[in-house]
Amino acid sequence: MRGHGLILSTLLVACGVGLACAQDAKRTPDVIYVPTPQEVVEDMLRLADVRKGDVLYDLGSGDGRIAVTAAKKYGIRAVGIDIDPERIREANDNARKQGVAKLVQFRREDLFAADFREATVVTLYLLPDLNLKLLPLLQAQLKPGTRVVSHQFDMGDWRPAKVLESNGRTVYFWVMPRK
């Protein structure tokens, strides 16, 4: 299940990795929303060594808690991408309530067609097969040195640089290698 908010629609199933697909405004998510616990969010950001000047992208951002926490705690710009319009509304509300709406942007997009090249940190809580489908996009778009953190699921053969146990959950950390 998508912890802090990957909401997939059948659009994601119909689209191949890297293909741009038209979004159907009437499409409904087919994966339930399950938020990442706040202490795991904090650990993910610490493990990624988030610092001033970073640009964080949260792929499957749900209620926006990772992006909002990063902006509030570290003063960085953050972008959340989610397919569910209700989660986008909720995330924007959360950013406003926490006073970070100027630092955080939430986009309703198919994460497999999204542009996240400017990220210096990427956070994920995707299903194992989705991590594997996303890996080629991460490798194609992210610059060497970009930090990637995944709650609960690894990336197959790509071995993490660090693994952390947080509140009974596993957090994986990688650094994009030179191409």
N, C-alpha and C. Protein backbone atom coordinates (compact mmCIF):
# COMPACT_ATOMS: atom_id res chain seq x y z
N MET A 1 0.83 -1.19 0.00
CA MET A 1 0.00 0.00 0.00
C MET A 1 0.87 1.25 0.00
N ARG A 2 0.37 2.28 -0.56
CA ARG A 2 1.08 3.54 -0.65
C ARG A 2 0.90 4.25 0.66
N GLY A 3 1.93 4.37 1.43
CA GLY A 3 1.91 4.95 2.75
C GLY A 3 1.44 6.37 2.77
N HIS A 4 2.31 7.33 2.57
CA HIS A 4 1.92 8.71 2.74
C HIS A 4 1.18 9.23 1.53
N GLY A 5 0.87 8.37 0.59
CA GLY A 5 -0.08 8.81 -0.37
C GLY A 5 0.06 8.43 -1.81
N LEU A 6 0.75 7.35 -2.18
CA LEU A 6 0.70 7.04 -3.61
C LEU A 6 -0.70 6.60 -3.91
N ILE A 7 -1.37 7.30 -4.73
CA ILE A 7 -2.70 6.94 -5.16
C ILE A 7 -2.59 6.67 -6.64
N LEU A 8 -2.69 5.42 -6.97
CA LEU A 8 -2.58 5.04 -8.37
C LEU A 8 -3.95 4.92 -8.97
N SER A 9 -4.06 5.25 -10.22
CA SER A 9 -5.29 5.02 -10.95
C SER A 9 -4.98 4.01 -12.03
N THR A 10 -5.98 3.58 -12.70
CA THR A 10 -5.74 2.66 -13.79
C THR A 10 -4.92 3.33 -14.88
N LEU A 11 -4.82 4.65 -14.83
CA LEU A 11 -3.96 5.38 -15.75
C LEU A 11 -2.53 4.89 -15.64
N LEU A 12 -2.05 4.67 -14.42
CA LEU A 12 -0.69 4.20 -14.23
C LEU A 12 -0.49 2.81 -14.81
N VAL A 13 -1.50 1.97 -14.69
CA VAL A 13 -1.40 0.63 -15.23
C VAL A 13 -1.39 0.69 -16.75
N ALA A 14 -2.18 1.59 -17.33
CA ALA A 14 -2.28 1.68 -18.78
C ALA A 14 -1.05 2.34 -19.41
N CYS A 15 -0.34 3.15 -18.64
CA CYS A 15 0.81 3.86 -19.18
C CYS A 15 2.09 3.10 -18.91
N GLY A 16 2.96 3.07 -19.87
CA GLY A 16 4.27 2.47 -19.66
C GLY A 16 5.20 3.48 -19.06
N VAL A 17 6.27 3.03 -18.47
CA VAL A 17 7.26 3.93 -17.89
C VAL A 17 7.77 4.87 -18.97
N GLY A 18 7.74 6.17 -18.67
CA GLY A 18 8.28 7.16 -19.58
C GLY A 18 7.31 7.63 -20.64
N LEU A 19 6.13 7.05 -20.71
CA LEU A 19 5.17 7.50 -21.71
C LEU A 19 4.29 8.59 -21.13
N ALA A 20 4.06 9.63 -21.88
CA ALA A 20 3.15 10.67 -21.44
C ALA A 20 1.74 10.21 -21.72
N CYS A 21 0.89 10.29 -20.71
CA CYS A 21 -0.49 9.83 -20.86
C CYS A 21 -1.42 10.97 -20.47
N ALA A 22 -2.49 11.12 -21.19
CA ALA A 22 -3.47 12.14 -20.86
C ALA A 22 -4.15 11.78 -19.55
N GLN A 23 -4.40 12.78 -18.74
CA GLN A 23 -5.06 12.53 -17.47
C GLN A 23 -6.56 12.70 -17.64
N ASP A 24 -7.28 11.75 -17.12
CA ASP A 24 -8.73 11.79 -17.14
C ASP A 24 -9.18 12.36 -15.81
N ALA A 25 -9.79 13.55 -15.85
CA ALA A 25 -10.20 14.23 -14.62
C ALA A 25 -11.21 13.42 -13.82
N LYS A 26 -11.90 12.49 -14.45
CA LYS A 26 -12.92 11.70 -13.76
C LYS A 26 -12.36 10.40 -13.21
N ARG A 27 -11.13 10.09 -13.51
CA ARG A 27 -10.52 8.84 -13.06
C ARG A 27 -10.40 8.84 -11.54
N THR A 28 -10.68 7.69 -10.93
CA THR A 28 -10.57 7.58 -9.49
C THR A 28 -9.39 6.68 -9.14
N PRO A 29 -8.76 6.92 -8.00
CA PRO A 29 -7.63 6.09 -7.58
C PRO A 29 -8.08 4.66 -7.31
N ASP A 30 -7.20 3.72 -7.54
CA ASP A 30 -7.54 2.33 -7.25
C ASP A 30 -6.68 1.73 -6.15
N VAL A 31 -5.87 2.54 -5.48
CA VAL A 31 -5.09 2.12 -4.33
C VAL A 31 -5.46 3.04 -3.18
N ILE A 32 -5.71 2.45 -2.02
CA ILE A 32 -6.12 3.29 -0.89
C ILE A 32 -4.94 4.11 -0.37
N TYR A 33 -5.27 5.22 0.23
CA TYR A 33 -4.28 6.12 0.81
C TYR A 33 -3.99 5.69 2.25
N VAL A 34 -2.71 5.51 2.56
CA VAL A 34 -2.26 5.19 3.91
C VAL A 34 -1.09 6.11 4.22
N PRO A 35 -1.22 6.99 5.20
CA PRO A 35 -0.14 7.95 5.46
C PRO A 35 1.07 7.33 6.14
N THR A 36 2.24 7.90 5.86
CA THR A 36 3.47 7.53 6.54
C THR A 36 3.43 8.16 7.94
N PRO A 37 3.72 7.39 8.98
CA PRO A 37 3.76 7.98 10.32
C PRO A 37 4.78 9.12 10.39
N GLN A 38 4.45 10.15 11.16
CA GLN A 38 5.29 11.35 11.21
C GLN A 38 6.72 11.04 11.65
N GLU A 39 6.91 10.11 12.61
CA GLU A 39 8.28 9.81 13.02
C GLU A 39 9.08 9.15 11.90
N VAL A 40 8.41 8.42 11.01
CA VAL A 40 9.10 7.83 9.85
C VAL A 40 9.44 8.94 8.86
N VAL A 41 8.54 9.90 8.69
CA VAL A 41 8.82 11.07 7.83
C VAL A 41 10.10 11.76 8.31
N GLU A 42 10.17 12.02 9.62
CA GLU A 42 11.35 12.69 10.19
C GLU A 42 12.61 11.88 9.94
N ASP A 43 12.53 10.57 10.12
CA ASP A 43 13.69 9.71 9.88
C ASP A 43 14.09 9.68 8.42
N MET A 44 13.11 9.68 7.52
CA MET A 44 13.41 9.70 6.08
C MET A 44 14.20 10.96 5.72
N LEU A 45 13.77 12.09 6.25
CA LEU A 45 14.43 13.36 5.94
C LEU A 45 15.83 13.42 6.54
N ARG A 46 15.98 12.88 7.76
CA ARG A 46 17.31 12.83 8.38
C ARG A 46 18.24 11.90 7.60
N LEU A 47 17.73 10.74 7.21
CA LEU A 47 18.55 9.78 6.47
C LEU A 47 19.01 10.37 5.13
N ALA A 48 18.14 11.18 4.51
CA ALA A 48 18.48 11.83 3.24
C ALA A 48 19.41 13.03 3.43
N ASP A 49 19.68 13.38 4.68
CA ASP A 49 20.53 14.53 4.99
C ASP A 49 20.02 15.79 4.30
N VAL A 50 18.71 16.03 4.43
CA VAL A 50 18.11 17.22 3.82
C VAL A 50 18.74 18.47 4.44
N ARG A 51 19.07 19.43 3.56
CA ARG A 51 19.72 20.64 4.02
C ARG A 51 19.31 21.83 3.14
N LYS A 52 19.62 23.01 3.63
CA LYS A 52 19.31 24.25 2.91
C LYS A 52 19.79 24.14 1.48
N GLY A 53 18.94 24.58 0.55
CA GLY A 53 19.28 24.55 -0.87
C GLY A 53 18.76 23.32 -1.59
N ASP A 54 18.34 22.29 -0.86
CA ASP A 54 17.78 21.10 -1.51
C ASP A 54 16.42 21.40 -2.13
N VAL A 55 16.09 20.61 -3.12
CA VAL A 55 14.75 20.61 -3.71
C VAL A 55 14.25 19.18 -3.60
N LEU A 56 13.22 18.98 -2.80
CA LEU A 56 12.68 17.66 -2.53
C LEU A 56 11.46 17.39 -3.41
N TYR A 57 11.43 16.22 -4.02
CA TYR A 57 10.24 15.75 -4.75
C TYR A 57 9.72 14.52 -4.04
N ASP A 58 8.46 14.56 -3.68
CA ASP A 58 7.80 13.42 -3.06
C ASP A 58 6.87 12.81 -4.09
N LEU A 59 7.20 11.62 -4.56
CA LEU A 59 6.43 10.96 -5.62
C LEU A 59 5.36 10.09 -4.99
N GLY A 60 4.11 10.50 -5.18
CA GLY A 60 2.98 9.89 -4.50
C GLY A 60 2.81 10.58 -3.16
N SER A 61 2.57 11.88 -3.20
CA SER A 61 2.70 12.74 -2.01
C SER A 61 1.53 12.70 -1.04
N GLY A 62 0.40 12.13 -1.42
CA GLY A 62 -0.71 12.01 -0.49
C GLY A 62 -1.10 13.32 0.14
N ASP A 63 -1.16 13.36 1.47
CA ASP A 63 -1.59 14.57 2.18
C ASP A 63 -0.48 15.61 2.29
N GLY A 64 0.67 15.33 1.69
CA GLY A 64 1.74 16.31 1.62
C GLY A 64 2.66 16.36 2.82
N ARG A 65 2.53 15.43 3.74
CA ARG A 65 3.27 15.54 5.00
C ARG A 65 4.78 15.54 4.83
N ILE A 66 5.31 14.81 3.88
CA ILE A 66 6.78 14.81 3.71
C ILE A 66 7.24 16.16 3.17
N ALA A 67 6.59 16.64 2.12
CA ALA A 67 6.97 17.93 1.53
C ALA A 67 6.77 19.07 2.53
N VAL A 68 5.67 19.06 3.24
CA VAL A 68 5.38 20.10 4.23
C VAL A 68 6.40 20.07 5.36
N THR A 69 6.70 18.88 5.86
CA THR A 69 7.68 18.76 6.94
C THR A 69 9.06 19.24 6.48
N ALA A 70 9.46 18.86 5.27
CA ALA A 70 10.77 19.29 4.75
C ALA A 70 10.84 20.81 4.63
N ALA A 71 9.77 21.42 4.12
CA ALA A 71 9.75 22.88 3.97
C ALA A 71 9.77 23.57 5.32
N LYS A 72 8.98 23.06 6.25
CA LYS A 72 8.88 23.71 7.56
C LYS A 72 10.16 23.53 8.38
N LYS A 73 10.71 22.34 8.39
CA LYS A 73 11.86 22.04 9.25
C LYS A 73 13.18 22.52 8.65
N TYR A 74 13.31 22.43 7.31
CA TYR A 74 14.58 22.74 6.68
C TYR A 74 14.55 23.99 5.80
N GLY A 75 13.38 24.58 5.61
CA GLY A 75 13.26 25.79 4.80
C GLY A 75 13.51 25.58 3.32
N ILE A 76 13.33 24.35 2.85
CA ILE A 76 13.61 24.05 1.44
C ILE A 76 12.33 24.09 0.60
N ARG A 77 12.53 24.14 -0.70
CA ARG A 77 11.41 24.04 -1.64
C ARG A 77 11.11 22.56 -1.85
N ALA A 78 9.82 22.24 -1.92
CA ALA A 78 9.41 20.86 -2.09
C ALA A 78 8.25 20.78 -3.07
N VAL A 79 8.21 19.68 -3.83
CA VAL A 79 7.16 19.43 -4.80
C VAL A 79 6.59 18.05 -4.53
N GLY A 80 5.28 17.98 -4.41
CA GLY A 80 4.61 16.70 -4.25
C GLY A 80 3.84 16.37 -5.51
N ILE A 81 3.89 15.11 -5.91
CA ILE A 81 3.17 14.67 -7.10
C ILE A 81 2.23 13.54 -6.69
N ASP A 82 0.97 13.68 -7.02
CA ASP A 82 -0.03 12.66 -6.72
C ASP A 82 -1.11 12.72 -7.79
N ILE A 83 -1.78 11.60 -8.01
CA ILE A 83 -2.81 11.53 -9.05
C ILE A 83 -4.21 11.86 -8.52
N ASP A 84 -4.37 11.81 -7.21
CA ASP A 84 -5.69 11.98 -6.59
C ASP A 84 -5.97 13.45 -6.30
N PRO A 85 -6.99 14.03 -6.93
CA PRO A 85 -7.27 15.45 -6.70
C PRO A 85 -7.64 15.76 -5.25
N GLU A 86 -8.26 14.82 -4.56
CA GLU A 86 -8.60 15.04 -3.15
C GLU A 86 -7.33 15.14 -2.30
N ARG A 87 -6.35 14.29 -2.57
CA ARG A 87 -5.09 14.35 -1.83
C ARG A 87 -4.36 15.66 -2.13
N ILE A 88 -4.43 16.12 -3.37
CA ILE A 88 -3.79 17.40 -3.73
C ILE A 88 -4.44 18.54 -2.95
N ARG A 89 -5.77 18.55 -2.87
CA ARG A 89 -6.47 19.59 -2.09
C ARG A 89 -6.05 19.53 -0.62
N GLU A 90 -6.04 18.31 -0.08
CA GLU A 90 -5.65 18.13 1.32
C GLU A 90 -4.20 18.58 1.55
N ALA A 91 -3.31 18.25 0.65
CA ALA A 91 -1.90 18.63 0.77
C ALA A 91 -1.75 20.16 0.74
N ASN A 92 -2.45 20.81 -0.18
CA ASN A 92 -2.39 22.27 -0.24
C ASN A 92 -2.93 22.90 1.03
N ASP A 93 -4.02 22.35 1.56
CA ASP A 93 -4.56 22.83 2.84
C ASP A 93 -3.53 22.67 3.96
N ASN A 94 -2.88 21.52 4.00
CA ASN A 94 -1.86 21.27 5.04
C ASN A 94 -0.70 22.25 4.92
N ALA A 95 -0.27 22.54 3.70
CA ALA A 95 0.82 23.50 3.49
C ALA A 95 0.41 24.89 3.98
N ARG A 96 -0.82 25.29 3.68
CA ARG A 96 -1.31 26.60 4.15
C ARG A 96 -1.36 26.64 5.68
N LYS A 97 -1.92 25.59 6.28
CA LYS A 97 -2.04 25.54 7.75
C LYS A 97 -0.68 25.58 8.43
N GLN A 98 0.34 25.00 7.81
CA GLN A 98 1.68 24.97 8.40
C GLN A 98 2.54 26.17 7.99
N GLY A 99 1.97 27.07 7.19
CA GLY A 99 2.67 28.30 6.83
C GLY A 99 3.79 28.12 5.81
N VAL A 100 3.72 27.06 4.99
CA VAL A 100 4.79 26.82 4.02
C VAL A 100 4.29 26.78 2.57
N ALA A 101 3.11 27.32 2.34
CA ALA A 101 2.52 27.27 1.00
C ALA A 101 3.41 27.94 -0.06
N LYS A 102 4.24 28.90 0.34
CA LYS A 102 5.13 29.56 -0.63
C LYS A 102 6.32 28.67 -1.00
N LEU A 103 6.62 27.69 -0.19
CA LEU A 103 7.75 26.80 -0.44
C LEU A 103 7.35 25.47 -1.08
N VAL A 104 6.07 25.14 -1.02
CA VAL A 104 5.62 23.82 -1.43
C VAL A 104 4.62 23.92 -2.58
N GLN A 105 4.78 23.05 -3.54
CA GLN A 105 3.86 22.96 -4.68
C GLN A 105 3.39 21.52 -4.78
N PHE A 106 2.10 21.33 -5.02
CA PHE A 106 1.56 19.99 -5.24
C PHE A 106 0.97 19.93 -6.64
N ARG A 107 1.36 18.89 -7.38
CA ARG A 107 0.93 18.74 -8.76
C ARG A 107 0.16 17.45 -8.93
N ARG A 108 -0.97 17.55 -9.60
CA ARG A 108 -1.74 16.36 -9.93
C ARG A 108 -1.19 15.82 -11.25
N GLU A 109 -0.41 14.76 -11.14
CA GLU A 109 0.23 14.18 -12.31
C GLU A 109 0.42 12.68 -12.12
N ASP A 110 0.59 12.02 -13.23
CA ASP A 110 1.03 10.63 -13.27
C ASP A 110 2.53 10.66 -12.98
N LEU A 111 2.96 10.06 -11.88
CA LEU A 111 4.37 10.16 -11.53
C LEU A 111 5.28 9.51 -12.55
N PHE A 112 4.73 8.61 -13.38
CA PHE A 112 5.55 7.97 -14.41
C PHE A 112 5.73 8.86 -15.64
N ALA A 113 5.00 9.97 -15.69
CA ALA A 113 5.16 10.91 -16.79
C ALA A 113 5.67 12.27 -16.29
N ALA A 114 5.96 12.35 -14.99
CA ALA A 114 6.35 13.61 -14.37
C ALA A 114 7.83 13.93 -14.63
N ASP A 115 8.12 15.21 -14.60
CA ASP A 115 9.49 15.70 -14.71
C ASP A 115 9.96 16.08 -13.31
N PHE A 116 10.94 15.36 -12.81
CA PHE A 116 11.48 15.65 -11.48
C PHE A 116 13.00 15.81 -11.52
N ARG A 117 13.49 16.27 -12.68
CA ARG A 117 14.95 16.42 -12.87
C ARG A 117 15.61 17.40 -11.92
N GLU A 118 14.87 18.39 -11.43
CA GLU A 118 15.49 19.39 -10.55
C GLU A 118 15.67 18.89 -9.12
N ALA A 119 15.15 17.72 -8.79
CA ALA A 119 15.23 17.20 -7.43
C ALA A 119 16.68 16.96 -7.00
N THR A 120 16.96 17.28 -5.75
CA THR A 120 18.20 16.86 -5.12
C THR A 120 17.91 15.76 -4.10
N VAL A 121 16.63 15.63 -3.73
CA VAL A 121 16.15 14.57 -2.84
C VAL A 121 14.82 14.08 -3.39
N VAL A 122 14.65 12.76 -3.47
CA VAL A 122 13.37 12.16 -3.88
C VAL A 122 12.93 11.23 -2.77
N THR A 123 11.66 11.35 -2.37
CA THR A 123 11.10 10.45 -1.38
C THR A 123 9.98 9.63 -2.00
N LEU A 124 9.87 8.39 -1.53
CA LEU A 124 8.92 7.43 -2.09
C LEU A 124 8.30 6.58 -0.99
N TYR A 125 7.09 6.14 -1.23
CA TYR A 125 6.50 5.05 -0.48
C TYR A 125 5.59 4.34 -1.46
N LEU A 126 6.21 3.57 -2.32
CA LEU A 126 5.52 2.89 -3.40
C LEU A 126 5.54 1.39 -3.15
N LEU A 127 4.73 0.69 -3.88
CA LEU A 127 4.76 -0.77 -3.84
C LEU A 127 6.04 -1.26 -4.50
N PRO A 128 6.52 -2.45 -4.16
CA PRO A 128 7.78 -2.94 -4.73
C PRO A 128 7.82 -2.92 -6.26
N ASP A 129 6.77 -3.36 -6.91
CA ASP A 129 6.78 -3.37 -8.38
C ASP A 129 6.79 -1.96 -8.95
N LEU A 130 6.21 -1.01 -8.26
CA LEU A 130 6.23 0.38 -8.73
C LEU A 130 7.61 1.00 -8.55
N ASN A 131 8.29 0.67 -7.46
CA ASN A 131 9.67 1.13 -7.31
C ASN A 131 10.51 0.66 -8.49
N LEU A 132 10.34 -0.61 -8.85
CA LEU A 132 11.12 -1.16 -9.96
C LEU A 132 10.76 -0.51 -11.29
N LYS A 133 9.49 -0.20 -11.50
CA LYS A 133 9.08 0.50 -12.73
C LYS A 133 9.59 1.93 -12.75
N LEU A 134 9.69 2.54 -11.59
CA LEU A 134 10.14 3.92 -11.49
C LEU A 134 11.66 4.05 -11.61
N LEU A 135 12.39 3.01 -11.26
CA LEU A 135 13.85 3.07 -11.24
C LEU A 135 14.46 3.58 -12.55
N PRO A 136 14.04 3.11 -13.73
CA PRO A 136 14.63 3.66 -14.95
C PRO A 136 14.40 5.16 -15.12
N LEU A 137 13.26 5.66 -14.66
CA LEU A 137 13.01 7.11 -14.73
C LEU A 137 13.91 7.87 -13.77
N LEU A 138 14.10 7.33 -12.58
CA LEU A 138 15.01 7.96 -11.63
C LEU A 138 16.41 8.02 -12.22
N GLN A 139 16.85 6.91 -12.80
CA GLN A 139 18.19 6.85 -13.39
C GLN A 139 18.33 7.81 -14.57
N ALA A 140 17.28 7.97 -15.34
CA ALA A 140 17.33 8.84 -16.52
C ALA A 140 17.27 10.32 -16.14
N GLN A 141 16.48 10.66 -15.11
CA GLN A 141 16.23 12.07 -14.80
C GLN A 141 17.13 12.67 -13.73
N LEU A 142 17.55 11.88 -12.77
CA LEU A 142 18.24 12.45 -11.62
C LEU A 142 19.74 12.59 -11.85
N LYS A 143 20.27 13.68 -11.35
CA LYS A 143 21.70 13.95 -11.45
C LYS A 143 22.47 13.08 -10.46
N PRO A 144 23.72 12.77 -10.78
CA PRO A 144 24.56 12.06 -9.81
C PRO A 144 24.59 12.83 -8.48
N GLY A 145 24.51 12.10 -7.40
CA GLY A 145 24.51 12.72 -6.08
C GLY A 145 23.12 12.95 -5.51
N THR A 146 22.09 12.87 -6.33
CA THR A 146 20.72 13.03 -5.83
C THR A 146 20.43 11.90 -4.85
N ARG A 147 19.83 12.26 -3.71
CA ARG A 147 19.50 11.27 -2.70
C ARG A 147 18.07 10.77 -2.89
N VAL A 148 17.90 9.46 -2.73
CA VAL A 148 16.59 8.81 -2.89
C VAL A 148 16.31 8.04 -1.62
N VAL A 149 15.13 8.25 -1.05
CA VAL A 149 14.73 7.57 0.18
C VAL A 149 13.38 6.91 -0.05
N SER A 150 13.29 5.63 0.31
CA SER A 150 12.05 4.88 0.15
C SER A 150 11.62 4.30 1.48
N HIS A 151 10.37 4.54 1.81
CA HIS A 151 9.77 3.96 3.01
C HIS A 151 9.28 2.55 2.65
N GLN A 152 9.81 1.58 3.33
CA GLN A 152 9.35 0.19 3.34
C GLN A 152 9.83 -0.70 2.20
N PHE A 153 10.06 -0.17 1.01
CA PHE A 153 10.37 -1.03 -0.12
C PHE A 153 11.68 -0.65 -0.80
N ASP A 154 12.45 -1.67 -1.18
CA ASP A 154 13.74 -1.44 -1.82
C ASP A 154 13.58 -1.28 -3.33
N MET A 155 14.72 -1.34 -4.03
CA MET A 155 14.74 -1.17 -5.49
C MET A 155 15.39 -2.38 -6.15
N GLY A 156 15.03 -3.56 -5.69
CA GLY A 156 15.53 -4.77 -6.32
C GLY A 156 17.03 -4.89 -6.20
N ASP A 157 17.72 -4.98 -7.34
CA ASP A 157 19.17 -5.19 -7.36
C ASP A 157 19.99 -3.94 -7.01
N TRP A 158 19.35 -2.76 -7.00
CA TRP A 158 20.07 -1.55 -6.62
C TRP A 158 20.20 -1.54 -5.10
N ARG A 159 21.39 -1.82 -4.63
CA ARG A 159 21.63 -1.94 -3.19
C ARG A 159 21.66 -0.58 -2.52
N PRO A 160 20.95 -0.43 -1.41
CA PRO A 160 20.95 0.85 -0.70
C PRO A 160 22.28 1.14 -0.04
N ALA A 161 22.59 2.42 0.08
CA ALA A 161 23.79 2.84 0.80
C ALA A 161 23.57 2.71 2.31
N LYS A 162 22.33 2.90 2.73
CA LYS A 162 21.97 2.80 4.15
C LYS A 162 20.57 2.22 4.26
N VAL A 163 20.34 1.54 5.38
CA VAL A 163 19.01 1.03 5.73
C VAL A 163 18.78 1.37 7.19
N LEU A 164 17.59 1.88 7.50
CA LEU A 164 17.26 2.30 8.85
C LEU A 164 15.94 1.66 9.26
N GLU A 165 15.88 1.18 10.48
CA GLU A 165 14.61 0.73 11.05
C GLU A 165 14.02 1.91 11.80
N SER A 166 12.76 2.23 11.50
CA SER A 166 12.09 3.37 12.10
C SER A 166 10.68 2.98 12.50
N ASN A 167 10.44 2.93 13.78
CA ASN A 167 9.09 2.66 14.27
C ASN A 167 8.53 1.36 13.67
N GLY A 168 9.37 0.34 13.59
CA GLY A 168 8.95 -0.95 13.05
C GLY A 168 8.86 -0.99 11.53
N ARG A 169 9.36 0.03 10.87
CA ARG A 169 9.34 0.10 9.41
C ARG A 169 10.76 0.26 8.89
N THR A 170 10.96 -0.10 7.64
CA THR A 170 12.29 -0.01 7.05
C THR A 170 12.34 1.20 6.12
N VAL A 171 13.44 1.93 6.20
CA VAL A 171 13.68 3.08 5.32
C VAL A 171 14.99 2.80 4.58
N TYR A 172 14.95 2.92 3.25
CA TYR A 172 16.10 2.67 2.39
C TYR A 172 16.62 3.98 1.83
N PHE A 173 17.94 4.06 1.67
CA PHE A 173 18.58 5.28 1.17
C PHE A 173 19.61 4.94 0.09
N TRP A 174 19.53 5.67 -1.02
CA TRP A 174 20.50 5.53 -2.12
C TRP A 174 21.00 6.91 -2.54
N VAL A 175 22.14 6.90 -3.20
CA VAL A 175 22.66 8.10 -3.85
C VAL A 175 22.84 7.75 -5.32
N MET A 176 22.29 8.61 -6.19
CA MET A 176 22.42 8.35 -7.63
C MET A 176 23.89 8.36 -8.02
N PRO A 177 24.33 7.31 -8.67
CA PRO A 177 25.74 7.22 -9.07
C PRO A 177 26.01 8.05 -10.33
N ARG A 178 27.31 8.17 -10.63
CA ARG A 178 27.68 8.82 -11.90
C ARG A 178 27.14 7.99 -13.05
N LYS A 179 26.81 8.66 -14.13
CA LYS A 179 26.25 7.95 -15.29
C LYS A 179 27.35 7.40 -16.16
